[in-house]
């Protein structure tokens, strides 16, 4: 308890893992909502002017962007967790 109150022990690494999963789910929900919004707003343009090939390329681009958003989210949290692991390793040397 003393380590916690004097900030020798951090609660952030545990919270980071929890926040990662919450954020990964929110990215999924909001990107799906955004895709549905795009389809709703540009419904007539999509149906009349865009061919199947362009629609396929747009869907592939959306999936690639979604993959990279999730990857960037993961890398950001890995950096934060590595930072706290380095702090713990350095504190063991002292």
C-alpha atoms as a PDB file:
ATOM      1  CA  UNK A   1       0.000   0.000   0.000  1.00  0.00           C
ATOM      2  CA  UNK A   2       2.901   2.337   0.777  1.00  0.00           C
ATOM      3  CA  UNK A   3       4.347   1.761  -2.709  1.00  0.00           C
ATOM      4  CA  UNK A   4       1.021   2.698  -4.252  1.00  0.00           C
ATOM      5  CA  UNK A   5       0.650   5.865  -2.189  1.00  0.00           C
ATOM      6  CA  UNK A   6       4.228   6.991  -2.902  1.00  0.00           C
ATOM      7  CA  UNK A   7       3.866   6.249  -6.647  1.00  0.00           C
ATOM      8  CA  UNK A   8       6.436   3.453  -6.621  1.00  0.00           C
ATOM      9  CA  UNK A   9       3.798   1.145  -8.110  1.00  0.00           C
ATOM     10  CA  UNK A  10       1.784   2.321 -11.098  1.00  0.00           C
ATOM     11  CA  UNK A  11      -1.775   1.315 -11.914  1.00  0.00           C
ATOM     12  CA  UNK A  12      -1.484   2.657 -15.446  1.00  0.00           C
ATOM     13  CA  UNK A  13      -0.200  -0.547 -17.147  1.00  0.00           C
ATOM     14  CA  UNK A  14      -3.322  -2.418 -16.077  1.00  0.00           C
ATOM     15  CA  UNK A  15      -5.542   0.445 -17.152  1.00  0.00           C
ATOM     16  CA  UNK A  16      -3.750   0.682 -20.495  1.00  0.00           C
ATOM     17  CA  UNK A  17      -4.723  -2.858 -21.436  1.00  0.00           C
ATOM     18  CA  UNK A  18      -8.339  -2.190 -20.497  1.00  0.00           C
ATOM     19  CA  UNK A  19      -8.379   1.096 -22.439  1.00  0.00           C
ATOM     20  CA  UNK A  20      -6.812  -0.593 -25.468  1.00  0.00           C
ATOM     21  CA  UNK A  21      -9.696  -3.035 -25.802  1.00  0.00           C
ATOM     22  CA  UNK A  22     -12.298  -0.320 -25.233  1.00  0.00           C
ATOM     23  CA  UNK A  23     -10.661   1.848 -27.902  1.00  0.00           C
ATOM     24  CA  UNK A  24     -10.331  -1.027 -30.377  1.00  0.00           C
ATOM     25  CA  UNK A  25     -14.066  -1.696 -30.070  1.00  0.00           C
ATOM     26  CA  UNK A  26     -14.870   2.003 -30.411  1.00  0.00           C
ATOM     27  CA  UNK A  27     -12.773   2.223 -33.585  1.00  0.00           C
ATOM     28  CA  UNK A  28     -14.801  -0.670 -34.985  1.00  0.00           C
ATOM     29  CA  UNK A  29     -18.130   0.925 -34.051  1.00  0.00           C
ATOM     30  CA  UNK A  30     -17.302   4.435 -35.259  1.00  0.00           C
ATOM     31  CA  UNK A  31     -15.755   3.291 -38.537  1.00  0.00           C
ATOM     32  CA  UNK A  32     -18.868   1.212 -39.242  1.00  0.00           C
ATOM     33  CA  UNK A  33     -21.044   4.204 -38.376  1.00  0.00           C
ATOM     34  CA  UNK A  34     -18.935   6.433 -40.643  1.00  0.00           C
ATOM     35  CA  UNK A  35     -19.207   3.971 -43.543  1.00  0.00           C
ATOM     36  CA  UNK A  36     -22.980   3.807 -43.108  1.00  0.00           C
ATOM     37  CA  UNK A  37     -23.172   7.611 -42.988  1.00  0.00           C
ATOM     38  CA  UNK A  38     -21.155   7.912 -46.210  1.00  0.00           C
ATOM     39  CA  UNK A  39     -23.484   5.432 -47.913  1.00  0.00           C
ATOM     40  CA  UNK A  40     -26.558   7.334 -46.693  1.00  0.00           C
ATOM     41  CA  UNK A  41     -25.355  10.793 -47.676  1.00  0.00           C
ATOM     42  CA  UNK A  42     -24.060   9.800 -51.107  1.00  0.00           C
ATOM     43  CA  UNK A  43     -26.638   7.111 -51.906  1.00  0.00           C
ATOM     44  CA  UNK A  44     -27.764   8.521 -55.260  1.00  0.00           C
ATOM     45  CA  UNK A  45     -24.212   9.219 -56.406  1.00  0.00           C
ATOM     46  CA  UNK A  46     -23.095   5.730 -55.436  1.00  0.00           C
ATOM     47  CA  UNK A  47     -25.990   4.075 -57.267  1.00  0.00           C
ATOM     48  CA  UNK A  48     -25.761   6.134 -60.475  1.00  0.00           C
ATOM     49  CA  UNK A  49     -22.147   7.176 -61.039  1.00  0.00           C
ATOM     50  CA  UNK A  50     -19.928   4.654 -59.299  1.00  0.00           C
ATOM     51  CA  UNK A  51     -19.200   1.359 -61.027  1.00  0.00           C
ATOM     52  CA  UNK A  52     -18.678  -1.944 -59.269  1.00  0.00           C
ATOM     53  CA  UNK A  53     -14.908  -1.643 -59.726  1.00  0.00           C
ATOM     54  CA  UNK A  54     -14.805   1.777 -58.046  1.00  0.00           C
ATOM     55  CA  UNK A  55     -17.081   0.547 -55.278  1.00  0.00           C
ATOM     56  CA  UNK A  56     -14.758  -2.418 -54.720  1.00  0.00           C
ATOM     57  CA  UNK A  57     -11.698  -0.152 -54.635  1.00  0.00           C
ATOM     58  CA  UNK A  58     -13.448   2.164 -52.157  1.00  0.00           C
ATOM     59  CA  UNK A  59     -14.381  -0.753 -49.920  1.00  0.00           C
ATOM     60  CA  UNK A  60     -10.840  -2.118 -50.084  1.00  0.00           C
ATOM     61  CA  UNK A  61      -9.430   1.324 -49.212  1.00  0.00           C
ATOM     62  CA  UNK A  62     -11.827   1.551 -46.263  1.00  0.00           C
ATOM     63  CA  UNK A  63     -10.737  -1.876 -44.984  1.00  0.00           C
ATOM     64  CA  UNK A  64      -7.060  -0.991 -45.367  1.00  0.00           C
ATOM     65  CA  UNK A  65      -7.591   2.280 -43.472  1.00  0.00           C
ATOM     66  CA  UNK A  66      -9.466   0.396 -40.752  1.00  0.00           C
ATOM     67  CA  UNK A  67      -6.624  -2.128 -40.467  1.00  0.00           C
ATOM     68  CA  UNK A  68      -4.044   0.644 -40.153  1.00  0.00           C
ATOM     69  CA  UNK A  69      -6.135   2.488 -37.552  1.00  0.00           C
ATOM     70  CA  UNK A  70      -6.239  -0.668 -35.435  1.00  0.00           C
ATOM     71  CA  UNK A  71      -2.526  -1.284 -35.998  1.00  0.00           C
ATOM     72  CA  UNK A  72      -1.600   2.263 -35.009  1.00  0.00           C
ATOM     73  CA  UNK A  73      -3.809   1.998 -31.906  1.00  0.00           C
ATOM     74  CA  UNK A  74      -2.014  -1.226 -30.933  1.00  0.00           C
ATOM     75  CA  UNK A  75       1.457   0.216 -31.524  1.00  0.00           C
ATOM     76  CA  UNK A  76       0.660   3.294 -29.443  1.00  0.00           C
ATOM     77  CA  UNK A  77      -0.375   1.188 -26.466  1.00  0.00           C
ATOM     78  CA  UNK A  78       2.615  -1.130 -26.860  1.00  0.00           C
ATOM     79  CA  UNK A  79       4.838   1.950 -26.631  1.00  0.00           C
ATOM     80  CA  UNK A  80       3.126   3.087 -23.425  1.00  0.00           C
ATOM     81  CA  UNK A  81       3.377  -0.359 -21.841  1.00  0.00           C
ATOM     82  CA  UNK A  82       7.042  -0.652 -22.863  1.00  0.00           C
ATOM     83  CA  UNK A  83       7.694   2.692 -21.199  1.00  0.00           C
ATOM     84  CA  UNK A  84       6.311   1.409 -17.906  1.00  0.00           C
ATOM     85  CA  UNK A  85       8.244  -1.857 -18.276  1.00  0.00           C
ATOM     86  CA  UNK A  86      11.444   0.142 -18.714  1.00  0.00           C
ATOM     87  CA  UNK A  87      10.599   2.110 -15.579  1.00  0.00           C
ATOM     88  CA  UNK A  88      10.092  -1.098 -13.608  1.00  0.00           C
ATOM     89  CA  UNK A  89      13.385  -2.545 -14.892  1.00  0.00           C
ATOM     90  CA  UNK A  90      15.272   0.623 -13.961  1.00  0.00           C
ATOM     91  CA  UNK A  91      13.699   0.693 -10.508  1.00  0.00           C
ATOM     92  CA  UNK A  92      14.988  -2.854  -9.891  1.00  0.00           C
ATOM     93  CA  UNK A  93      18.527  -1.623 -10.571  1.00  0.00           C
ATOM     94  CA  UNK A  94      18.301   1.007  -7.847  1.00  0.00           C
END
